[in-house]
Amino acid sequence: MLLARDKSQLLIVDVQQKLVGAISGKDKVVEACVRLVRAARLLDVPITISEQYPQGLGPTVDPIREAFANNGFVLDKVEFSCLKSEALRERLHELRRKGRPQVVVGGIEAHVCVLQTAIDLEAQGFEAFVVADAIGSRDKASAKRAVSRLLKSGADVVDSEMVLFEWLERAGTPEFKEIQALIK
């Protein structure tokens, strides 16, 4: 199944100041998350950002917050899966009721919060699309195991370019030029 921008929502999971420093390949993960957020804003795809215990782990990193520009929701949680948080679960389900069952997921850590969220999304009838270049863990092996498990759970594993071009559907539009600039 292909992604459609009018059926999608974007979820960025826990890319926070005190967590991101320990993530293997952190710069690429943050860059891919920023790319997704900017594209979602440009294409009117609703955005939700989760923050795991922000009092202790700090807010979402600045590059993502700047790309986000208060265009969506930032919600705190203490649960690992976003679907175990009442506020996040309600937000995601509300968007699904409005015709957006596809959830594009990026964030950290791949083998904990991202994995549990994507498995719960699939179990609750969403279509989870986990963006491989926009997720990370402290240990690369943990992220690799997470991807393997995600595939077995029914989640689709994609990359950020796949998401952007599926959302676009065609070249030759003003949006295409703006999205193309995000990739270069």
N, C-alpha and C. Protein backbone atom coordinates (compact mmCIF):
# COMPACT_ATOMS: atom_id res chain seq x y z
N MET A 1 0.83 -1.18 0.00
CA MET A 1 0.00 0.00 0.00
C MET A 1 0.88 1.25 0.00
N LEU A 2 0.54 2.19 -0.85
CA LEU A 2 1.26 3.45 -0.91
C LEU A 2 0.71 4.44 0.11
N LEU A 3 1.56 5.33 0.55
CA LEU A 3 1.12 6.43 1.40
C LEU A 3 0.37 7.46 0.57
N ALA A 4 -0.60 8.09 1.18
CA ALA A 4 -1.32 9.21 0.56
C ALA A 4 -1.35 10.35 1.56
N ARG A 5 -0.99 11.53 1.09
CA ARG A 5 -0.90 12.66 2.03
C ARG A 5 -2.22 12.96 2.71
N ASP A 6 -3.35 12.76 2.00
CA ASP A 6 -4.65 13.06 2.61
C ASP A 6 -5.14 11.95 3.54
N LYS A 7 -4.37 10.85 3.63
CA LYS A 7 -4.71 9.76 4.55
C LYS A 7 -3.66 9.58 5.64
N SER A 8 -2.63 10.44 5.61
CA SER A 8 -1.49 10.29 6.51
C SER A 8 -1.51 11.27 7.66
N GLN A 9 -0.80 10.87 8.70
CA GLN A 9 -0.42 11.75 9.80
C GLN A 9 1.02 11.40 10.16
N LEU A 10 1.74 12.38 10.70
CA LEU A 10 3.15 12.18 11.06
C LEU A 10 3.28 12.17 12.58
N LEU A 11 4.02 11.19 13.09
CA LEU A 11 4.31 11.09 14.52
C LEU A 11 5.81 11.03 14.71
N ILE A 12 6.36 12.02 15.43
CA ILE A 12 7.78 12.04 15.78
C ILE A 12 7.87 11.71 17.27
N VAL A 13 8.61 10.64 17.58
CA VAL A 13 8.64 10.08 18.92
C VAL A 13 9.94 10.42 19.65
N ASP A 14 9.84 11.25 20.68
CA ASP A 14 10.87 11.41 21.71
C ASP A 14 12.27 11.80 21.23
N VAL A 15 12.38 12.67 20.25
CA VAL A 15 13.70 13.11 19.80
C VAL A 15 14.08 14.32 20.67
N GLN A 16 14.53 14.01 21.87
CA GLN A 16 14.73 15.02 22.91
C GLN A 16 16.20 15.26 23.23
N GLN A 17 16.46 16.43 23.78
CA GLN A 17 17.82 16.90 24.01
C GLN A 17 18.69 15.90 24.77
N LYS A 18 18.20 15.37 25.88
CA LYS A 18 19.04 14.50 26.70
C LYS A 18 19.07 13.06 26.22
N LEU A 19 18.28 12.72 25.21
CA LEU A 19 18.29 11.37 24.65
C LEU A 19 19.12 11.30 23.38
N VAL A 20 19.02 12.33 22.56
CA VAL A 20 19.57 12.25 21.21
C VAL A 20 21.09 12.14 21.19
N GLY A 21 21.76 12.68 22.17
CA GLY A 21 23.22 12.66 22.18
C GLY A 21 23.82 11.27 22.16
N ALA A 22 23.12 10.30 22.70
CA ALA A 22 23.63 8.93 22.78
C ALA A 22 23.23 8.06 21.58
N ILE A 23 22.47 8.61 20.66
CA ILE A 23 21.94 7.82 19.55
C ILE A 23 22.98 7.64 18.44
N SER A 24 23.16 6.42 18.00
CA SER A 24 24.06 6.12 16.89
C SER A 24 23.51 6.78 15.62
N GLY A 25 24.34 7.57 14.96
CA GLY A 25 23.91 8.26 13.74
C GLY A 25 22.90 9.35 13.99
N LYS A 26 22.99 9.99 15.14
CA LYS A 26 21.98 10.97 15.58
C LYS A 26 21.76 12.10 14.58
N ASP A 27 22.81 12.59 13.93
CA ASP A 27 22.64 13.72 13.01
C ASP A 27 21.74 13.35 11.84
N LYS A 28 21.92 12.14 11.30
CA LYS A 28 21.09 11.69 10.18
C LYS A 28 19.66 11.46 10.63
N VAL A 29 19.47 10.94 11.83
CA VAL A 29 18.12 10.71 12.34
C VAL A 29 17.39 12.05 12.49
N VAL A 30 18.04 13.02 13.11
CA VAL A 30 17.43 14.34 13.29
C VAL A 30 17.15 14.98 11.93
N GLU A 31 18.10 14.90 11.02
CA GLU A 31 17.92 15.48 9.68
C GLU A 31 16.72 14.86 8.96
N ALA A 32 16.56 13.55 9.06
CA ALA A 32 15.42 12.89 8.41
C ALA A 32 14.11 13.29 9.08
N CYS A 33 14.11 13.42 10.39
CA CYS A 33 12.89 13.87 11.10
C CYS A 33 12.53 15.29 10.69
N VAL A 34 13.52 16.15 10.58
CA VAL A 34 13.27 17.54 10.14
C VAL A 34 12.69 17.53 8.73
N ARG A 35 13.24 16.71 7.84
CA ARG A 35 12.74 16.61 6.47
C ARG A 35 11.27 16.20 6.48
N LEU A 36 10.92 15.21 7.29
CA LEU A 36 9.53 14.75 7.37
C LEU A 36 8.61 15.85 7.89
N VAL A 37 9.05 16.55 8.93
CA VAL A 37 8.23 17.62 9.52
C VAL A 37 8.01 18.74 8.50
N ARG A 38 9.07 19.15 7.82
CA ARG A 38 8.92 20.23 6.83
C ARG A 38 8.00 19.82 5.69
N ALA A 39 8.15 18.59 5.22
CA ALA A 39 7.28 18.11 4.14
C ALA A 39 5.84 18.01 4.61
N ALA A 40 5.63 17.52 5.82
CA ALA A 40 4.27 17.41 6.36
C ALA A 40 3.62 18.79 6.45
N ARG A 41 4.36 19.76 6.91
CA ARG A 41 3.80 21.12 6.99
C ARG A 41 3.44 21.63 5.60
N LEU A 42 4.33 21.44 4.65
CA LEU A 42 4.11 21.91 3.29
C LEU A 42 2.88 21.25 2.65
N LEU A 43 2.67 19.97 2.97
CA LEU A 43 1.62 19.19 2.32
C LEU A 43 0.37 19.01 3.19
N ASP A 44 0.29 19.77 4.27
CA ASP A 44 -0.87 19.74 5.17
C ASP A 44 -1.14 18.36 5.77
N VAL A 45 -0.08 17.67 6.14
CA VAL A 45 -0.20 16.40 6.85
C VAL A 45 -0.09 16.73 8.35
N PRO A 46 -1.08 16.35 9.15
CA PRO A 46 -1.05 16.67 10.59
C PRO A 46 0.16 16.06 11.28
N ILE A 47 0.72 16.82 12.21
CA ILE A 47 1.94 16.41 12.92
C ILE A 47 1.66 16.30 14.41
N THR A 48 2.18 15.21 15.00
CA THR A 48 2.15 15.02 16.45
C THR A 48 3.57 14.69 16.89
N ILE A 49 4.00 15.33 17.96
CA ILE A 49 5.32 15.05 18.53
C ILE A 49 5.12 14.60 19.97
N SER A 50 5.76 13.47 20.32
CA SER A 50 5.71 13.02 21.71
C SER A 50 7.03 13.35 22.39
N GLU A 51 6.92 13.60 23.69
CA GLU A 51 8.11 13.84 24.51
C GLU A 51 8.00 12.95 25.75
N GLN A 52 9.01 12.10 25.92
CA GLN A 52 9.08 11.20 27.07
C GLN A 52 9.61 11.96 28.27
N TYR A 53 8.79 12.11 29.29
CA TYR A 53 9.19 12.76 30.54
C TYR A 53 10.11 13.97 30.29
N PRO A 54 9.56 15.03 29.67
CA PRO A 54 10.40 16.17 29.29
C PRO A 54 11.03 16.92 30.47
N GLN A 55 10.44 16.79 31.66
CA GLN A 55 11.06 17.45 32.83
C GLN A 55 12.46 16.90 33.07
N GLY A 56 12.66 15.63 32.79
CA GLY A 56 13.97 15.02 33.00
C GLY A 56 14.80 14.90 31.74
N LEU A 57 14.14 14.71 30.59
CA LEU A 57 14.87 14.45 29.35
C LEU A 57 14.92 15.65 28.41
N GLY A 58 14.32 16.75 28.83
CA GLY A 58 14.35 17.96 28.02
C GLY A 58 13.33 17.91 26.90
N PRO A 59 13.19 19.04 26.19
CA PRO A 59 12.23 19.12 25.09
C PRO A 59 12.78 18.48 23.81
N THR A 60 11.94 18.43 22.81
CA THR A 60 12.35 18.01 21.47
C THR A 60 13.50 18.90 21.02
N VAL A 61 14.46 18.32 20.29
CA VAL A 61 15.64 19.07 19.87
C VAL A 61 15.25 20.26 18.99
N ASP A 62 16.06 21.30 19.05
CA ASP A 62 15.76 22.56 18.36
C ASP A 62 15.49 22.43 16.86
N PRO A 63 16.29 21.67 16.09
CA PRO A 63 16.01 21.63 14.65
C PRO A 63 14.59 21.12 14.33
N ILE A 64 14.12 20.17 15.09
CA ILE A 64 12.76 19.65 14.86
C ILE A 64 11.73 20.67 15.33
N ARG A 65 11.98 21.28 16.48
CA ARG A 65 11.04 22.29 16.98
C ARG A 65 10.94 23.46 16.00
N GLU A 66 12.06 23.87 15.44
CA GLU A 66 12.05 24.98 14.48
C GLU A 66 11.28 24.59 13.21
N ALA A 67 11.49 23.37 12.73
CA ALA A 67 10.77 22.90 11.54
C ALA A 67 9.28 22.77 11.83
N PHE A 68 8.96 22.37 13.03
CA PHE A 68 7.57 22.17 13.47
C PHE A 68 6.82 23.50 13.56
N ALA A 69 7.47 24.51 14.10
CA ALA A 69 6.93 25.88 14.20
C ALA A 69 5.50 25.92 14.77
N ASN A 70 5.29 25.15 15.83
CA ASN A 70 3.98 25.12 16.51
C ASN A 70 2.82 24.78 15.58
N ASN A 71 3.09 23.94 14.57
CA ASN A 71 2.07 23.56 13.60
C ASN A 71 1.61 22.13 13.87
N GLY A 72 0.98 21.90 15.00
CA GLY A 72 0.53 20.57 15.39
C GLY A 72 0.50 20.45 16.90
N PHE A 73 0.71 19.25 17.39
CA PHE A 73 0.62 19.00 18.82
C PHE A 73 1.92 18.41 19.34
N VAL A 74 2.35 18.89 20.52
CA VAL A 74 3.44 18.28 21.27
C VAL A 74 2.81 17.79 22.57
N LEU A 75 2.93 16.49 22.81
CA LEU A 75 2.29 15.90 23.99
C LEU A 75 3.30 15.11 24.81
N ASP A 76 3.25 15.30 26.13
CA ASP A 76 4.12 14.59 27.06
C ASP A 76 3.60 13.18 27.30
N LYS A 77 4.52 12.30 27.68
CA LYS A 77 4.13 10.95 28.07
C LYS A 77 5.17 10.38 29.03
N VAL A 78 4.79 9.34 29.74
CA VAL A 78 5.73 8.57 30.52
C VAL A 78 5.73 7.11 30.06
N GLU A 79 4.71 6.74 29.30
CA GLU A 79 4.60 5.40 28.75
C GLU A 79 5.58 5.27 27.58
N PHE A 80 6.03 4.05 27.30
CA PHE A 80 6.93 3.86 26.17
C PHE A 80 6.16 3.94 24.85
N SER A 81 5.05 3.24 24.74
CA SER A 81 4.23 3.32 23.54
C SER A 81 3.36 4.57 23.59
N CYS A 82 3.34 5.31 22.50
CA CYS A 82 2.48 6.50 22.44
C CYS A 82 1.01 6.12 22.60
N LEU A 83 0.64 4.91 22.21
CA LEU A 83 -0.75 4.48 22.30
C LEU A 83 -1.16 4.14 23.72
N LYS A 84 -0.21 4.06 24.64
CA LYS A 84 -0.54 3.82 26.05
C LYS A 84 -0.81 5.15 26.78
N SER A 85 -0.44 6.26 26.16
CA SER A 85 -0.73 7.59 26.70
C SER A 85 -2.12 8.01 26.24
N GLU A 86 -2.98 8.33 27.18
CA GLU A 86 -4.37 8.68 26.83
C GLU A 86 -4.43 9.85 25.85
N ALA A 87 -3.67 10.91 26.11
CA ALA A 87 -3.73 12.10 25.26
C ALA A 87 -3.22 11.80 23.84
N LEU A 88 -2.12 11.08 23.74
CA LEU A 88 -1.58 10.73 22.42
C LEU A 88 -2.51 9.76 21.69
N ARG A 89 -3.01 8.77 22.41
CA ARG A 89 -3.93 7.81 21.78
C ARG A 89 -5.15 8.53 21.22
N GLU A 90 -5.71 9.45 22.00
CA GLU A 90 -6.89 10.19 21.54
C GLU A 90 -6.56 11.05 20.32
N ARG A 91 -5.42 11.70 20.33
CA ARG A 91 -4.99 12.53 19.17
C ARG A 91 -4.89 11.67 17.91
N LEU A 92 -4.20 10.54 17.99
CA LEU A 92 -4.01 9.68 16.83
C LEU A 92 -5.33 9.10 16.33
N HIS A 93 -6.17 8.67 17.26
CA HIS A 93 -7.48 8.13 16.87
C HIS A 93 -8.39 9.21 16.29
N GLU A 94 -8.32 10.42 16.84
CA GLU A 94 -9.12 11.52 16.30
C GLU A 94 -8.75 11.78 14.84
N LEU A 95 -7.47 11.80 14.54
CA LEU A 95 -7.03 12.00 13.16
C LEU A 95 -7.46 10.83 12.28
N ARG A 96 -7.43 9.62 12.83
CA ARG A 96 -7.89 8.47 12.04
C ARG A 96 -9.38 8.61 11.72
N ARG A 97 -10.17 9.05 12.71
CA ARG A 97 -11.61 9.25 12.47
C ARG A 97 -11.85 10.29 11.38
N LYS A 98 -10.89 11.19 11.20
CA LYS A 98 -10.98 12.21 10.15
C LYS A 98 -10.39 11.73 8.83
N GLY A 99 -10.16 10.41 8.72
CA GLY A 99 -9.70 9.84 7.46
C GLY A 99 -8.21 9.69 7.31
N ARG A 100 -7.47 9.67 8.43
CA ARG A 100 -6.01 9.57 8.36
C ARG A 100 -5.52 8.34 9.14
N PRO A 101 -5.70 7.15 8.55
CA PRO A 101 -5.29 5.92 9.24
C PRO A 101 -3.80 5.58 9.08
N GLN A 102 -3.11 6.26 8.17
CA GLN A 102 -1.70 5.99 7.93
C GLN A 102 -0.85 6.86 8.86
N VAL A 103 -0.03 6.21 9.70
CA VAL A 103 0.82 6.96 10.63
C VAL A 103 2.27 6.74 10.24
N VAL A 104 2.92 7.81 9.82
CA VAL A 104 4.33 7.80 9.48
C VAL A 104 5.09 8.11 10.77
N VAL A 105 6.01 7.22 11.14
CA VAL A 105 6.66 7.30 12.45
C VAL A 105 8.16 7.45 12.31
N GLY A 106 8.70 8.45 12.99
CA GLY A 106 10.14 8.62 13.14
C GLY A 106 10.43 8.86 14.61
N GLY A 107 11.68 8.70 15.02
CA GLY A 107 12.02 9.01 16.40
C GLY A 107 12.98 8.04 17.03
N ILE A 108 13.05 8.12 18.36
CA ILE A 108 13.98 7.30 19.13
C ILE A 108 13.29 6.79 20.39
N GLU A 109 13.75 5.77 20.99
CA GLU A 109 14.68 4.81 20.45
C GLU A 109 13.92 3.77 19.65
N ALA A 110 14.54 3.33 18.56
CA ALA A 110 13.89 2.42 17.63
C ALA A 110 13.39 1.16 18.29
N HIS A 111 14.17 0.61 19.21
CA HIS A 111 13.84 -0.68 19.81
C HIS A 111 12.95 -0.57 21.05
N VAL A 112 12.60 0.64 21.45
CA VAL A 112 11.75 0.80 22.64
C VAL A 112 10.48 1.55 22.24
N CYS A 113 10.49 2.87 22.30
CA CYS A 113 9.27 3.66 22.08
C CYS A 113 8.75 3.57 20.66
N VAL A 114 9.63 3.62 19.67
CA VAL A 114 9.18 3.53 18.28
C VAL A 114 8.58 2.15 18.02
N LEU A 115 9.28 1.11 18.42
CA LEU A 115 8.82 -0.26 18.21
C LEU A 115 7.47 -0.50 18.89
N GLN A 116 7.37 -0.17 20.17
CA GLN A 116 6.13 -0.41 20.89
C GLN A 116 4.97 0.40 20.32
N THR A 117 5.25 1.62 19.93
CA THR A 117 4.21 2.46 19.32
C THR A 117 3.72 1.86 18.00
N ALA A 118 4.64 1.46 17.13
CA ALA A 118 4.25 0.92 15.83
C ALA A 118 3.48 -0.39 15.97
N ILE A 119 3.90 -1.25 16.88
CA ILE A 119 3.18 -2.50 17.11
C ILE A 119 1.77 -2.21 17.62
N ASP A 120 1.65 -1.26 18.55
CA ASP A 120 0.32 -0.88 19.05
C ASP A 120 -0.53 -0.23 17.97
N LEU A 121 0.08 0.58 17.10
CA LEU A 121 -0.66 1.18 15.99
C LEU A 121 -1.28 0.10 15.12
N GLU A 122 -0.48 -0.87 14.73
CA GLU A 122 -0.98 -1.97 13.90
C GLU A 122 -2.10 -2.73 14.62
N ALA A 123 -1.91 -2.99 15.91
CA ALA A 123 -2.90 -3.75 16.68
C ALA A 123 -4.22 -2.99 16.80
N GLN A 124 -4.15 -1.64 16.75
CA GLN A 124 -5.36 -0.83 16.88
C GLN A 124 -5.94 -0.40 15.53
N GLY A 125 -5.50 -1.04 14.46
CA GLY A 125 -6.11 -0.81 13.16
C GLY A 125 -5.54 0.31 12.32
N PHE A 126 -4.43 0.89 12.75
CA PHE A 126 -3.74 1.90 11.93
C PHE A 126 -2.83 1.19 10.94
N GLU A 127 -2.33 1.93 9.97
CA GLU A 127 -1.28 1.45 9.07
C GLU A 127 -0.01 2.20 9.49
N ALA A 128 0.93 1.48 10.09
CA ALA A 128 2.16 2.10 10.58
C ALA A 128 3.24 2.03 9.51
N PHE A 129 3.85 3.18 9.22
CA PHE A 129 4.96 3.30 8.28
C PHE A 129 6.15 3.87 9.06
N VAL A 130 7.09 3.02 9.45
CA VAL A 130 8.24 3.44 10.23
C VAL A 130 9.36 3.83 9.27
N VAL A 131 9.87 5.03 9.46
CA VAL A 131 10.86 5.60 8.54
C VAL A 131 12.26 5.24 9.02
N ALA A 132 12.89 4.28 8.34
CA ALA A 132 14.15 3.69 8.79
C ALA A 132 15.26 4.73 8.99
N ASP A 133 15.37 5.72 8.12
CA ASP A 133 16.43 6.71 8.28
C ASP A 133 16.08 7.79 9.30
N ALA A 134 14.86 7.75 9.84
CA ALA A 134 14.42 8.72 10.83
C ALA A 134 14.23 8.09 12.20
N ILE A 135 14.80 6.89 12.39
CA ILE A 135 14.76 6.24 13.71
C ILE A 135 16.17 5.87 14.11
N GLY A 136 16.39 5.75 15.39
CA GLY A 136 17.72 5.37 15.88
C GLY A 136 17.66 4.85 17.29
N SER A 137 18.74 4.16 17.65
CA SER A 137 18.94 3.64 19.00
C SER A 137 20.39 3.92 19.40
N ARG A 138 20.68 3.74 20.67
CA ARG A 138 22.06 3.92 21.11
C ARG A 138 22.99 2.94 20.41
N ASP A 139 22.51 1.72 20.23
CA ASP A 139 23.28 0.66 19.60
C ASP A 139 22.65 0.33 18.24
N LYS A 140 23.46 0.36 17.19
CA LYS A 140 22.95 0.05 15.84
C LYS A 140 22.28 -1.32 15.79
N ALA A 141 22.81 -2.28 16.53
CA ALA A 141 22.25 -3.63 16.52
C ALA A 141 20.83 -3.63 17.07
N SER A 142 20.56 -2.80 18.06
CA SER A 142 19.20 -2.71 18.62
C SER A 142 18.23 -2.16 17.57
N ALA A 143 18.66 -1.16 16.83
CA ALA A 143 17.81 -0.58 15.78
C ALA A 143 17.55 -1.61 14.68
N LYS A 144 18.58 -2.38 14.34
CA LYS A 144 18.42 -3.41 13.30
C LYS A 144 17.43 -4.47 13.75
N ARG A 145 17.53 -4.90 15.00
CA ARG A 145 16.58 -5.88 15.53
C ARG A 145 15.17 -5.31 15.57
N ALA A 146 15.05 -4.03 15.86
CA ALA A 146 13.73 -3.38 15.88
C ALA A 146 13.10 -3.42 14.49
N VAL A 147 13.87 -3.11 13.46
CA VAL A 147 13.34 -3.13 12.09
C VAL A 147 12.86 -4.53 11.73
N SER A 148 13.63 -5.54 12.09
CA SER A 148 13.23 -6.92 11.82
C SER A 148 11.90 -7.24 12.52
N ARG A 149 11.79 -6.86 13.75
CA ARG A 149 10.56 -7.12 14.50
C ARG A 149 9.39 -6.31 13.96
N LEU A 150 9.63 -5.08 13.56
CA LEU A 150 8.57 -4.24 12.98
C LEU A 150 7.99 -4.89 11.72
N LEU A 151 8.86 -5.41 10.89
CA LEU A 151 8.39 -6.06 9.66
C LEU A 151 7.52 -7.27 9.99
N LYS A 152 7.92 -8.03 10.99
CA LYS A 152 7.12 -9.20 11.40
C LYS A 152 5.78 -8.80 11.99
N SER A 153 5.71 -7.61 12.56
CA SER A 153 4.47 -7.15 13.21
C SER A 153 3.45 -6.60 12.21
N GLY A 154 3.88 -6.42 10.96
CA GLY A 154 2.97 -5.89 9.95
C GLY A 154 3.21 -4.44 9.61
N ALA A 155 4.11 -3.77 10.32
CA ALA A 155 4.42 -2.38 10.00
C ALA A 155 5.22 -2.33 8.70
N ASP A 156 5.04 -1.26 7.94
CA ASP A 156 5.86 -1.04 6.76
C ASP A 156 7.09 -0.27 7.18
N VAL A 157 8.25 -0.67 6.67
CA VAL A 157 9.48 0.06 6.94
C VAL A 157 9.86 0.74 5.63
N VAL A 158 9.96 2.07 5.69
CA VAL A 158 10.21 2.90 4.52
C VAL A 158 11.38 3.83 4.81
N ASP A 159 11.74 4.67 3.85
CA ASP A 159 12.71 5.73 4.15
C ASP A 159 12.05 7.08 3.86
N SER A 160 12.72 8.14 4.26
CA SER A 160 12.09 9.46 4.17
C SER A 160 11.81 9.87 2.72
N GLU A 161 12.66 9.50 1.79
CA GLU A 161 12.39 9.85 0.39
C GLU A 161 11.15 9.12 -0.13
N MET A 162 10.98 7.87 0.25
CA MET A 162 9.78 7.13 -0.15
C MET A 162 8.53 7.88 0.33
N VAL A 163 8.56 8.32 1.58
CA VAL A 163 7.42 9.04 2.15
C VAL A 163 7.14 10.30 1.35
N LEU A 164 8.17 11.11 1.13
CA LEU A 164 7.97 12.38 0.44
C LEU A 164 7.43 12.19 -0.98
N PHE A 165 7.99 11.26 -1.72
CA PHE A 165 7.54 11.08 -3.10
C PHE A 165 6.17 10.41 -3.17
N GLU A 166 5.84 9.56 -2.21
CA GLU A 166 4.49 9.00 -2.19
C GLU A 166 3.48 10.07 -1.82
N TRP A 167 3.82 10.94 -0.89
CA TRP A 167 2.92 12.04 -0.55
C TRP A 167 2.73 12.96 -1.76
N LEU A 168 3.79 13.20 -2.53
CA LEU A 168 3.71 14.10 -3.69
C LEU A 168 2.91 13.53 -4.85
N GLU A 169 3.12 12.30 -5.17
CA GLU A 169 2.47 11.56 -6.26
C GLU A 169 2.94 11.94 -7.65
N ARG A 170 3.39 13.17 -7.86
CA ARG A 170 3.78 13.58 -9.21
C ARG A 170 4.79 14.72 -9.16
N ALA A 171 5.53 14.85 -10.25
CA ALA A 171 6.50 15.93 -10.42
C ALA A 171 5.83 17.11 -11.11
N GLY A 172 6.58 18.18 -11.25
CA GLY A 172 6.10 19.31 -12.04
C GLY A 172 5.19 20.26 -11.29
N THR A 173 5.05 20.11 -10.00
CA THR A 173 4.21 21.01 -9.21
C THR A 173 5.10 21.93 -8.39
N PRO A 174 4.56 23.06 -7.91
CA PRO A 174 5.35 23.91 -7.02
C PRO A 174 5.78 23.16 -5.75
N GLU A 175 4.92 22.27 -5.25
CA GLU A 175 5.26 21.48 -4.06
C GLU A 175 6.44 20.56 -4.35
N PHE A 176 6.48 20.00 -5.56
CA PHE A 176 7.57 19.10 -5.94
C PHE A 176 8.91 19.81 -5.81
N LYS A 177 8.98 21.05 -6.28
CA LYS A 177 10.24 21.79 -6.21
C LYS A 177 10.65 22.04 -4.76
N GLU A 178 9.68 22.36 -3.91
CA GLU A 178 9.99 22.60 -2.50
C GLU A 178 10.41 21.32 -1.80
N ILE A 179 9.74 20.22 -2.10
CA ILE A 179 10.11 18.93 -1.49
C ILE A 179 11.47 18.48 -2.01
N GLN A 180 11.71 18.66 -3.28
CA GLN A 180 13.00 18.28 -3.88
C GLN A 180 14.15 19.02 -3.18
N ALA A 181 13.91 20.27 -2.81
CA ALA A 181 14.94 21.05 -2.11
C ALA A 181 15.25 20.46 -0.74
N LEU A 182 14.27 19.80 -0.10
CA LEU A 182 14.49 19.17 1.21
C LEU A 182 15.42 17.96 1.10
N ILE A 183 15.44 17.34 -0.07
CA ILE A 183 16.21 16.12 -0.27
C ILE A 183 17.66 16.43 -0.63
N LYS A 184 17.88 17.52 -1.34
CA LYS A 184 19.23 17.86 -1.79
C LYS A 184 20.09 18.38 -0.67
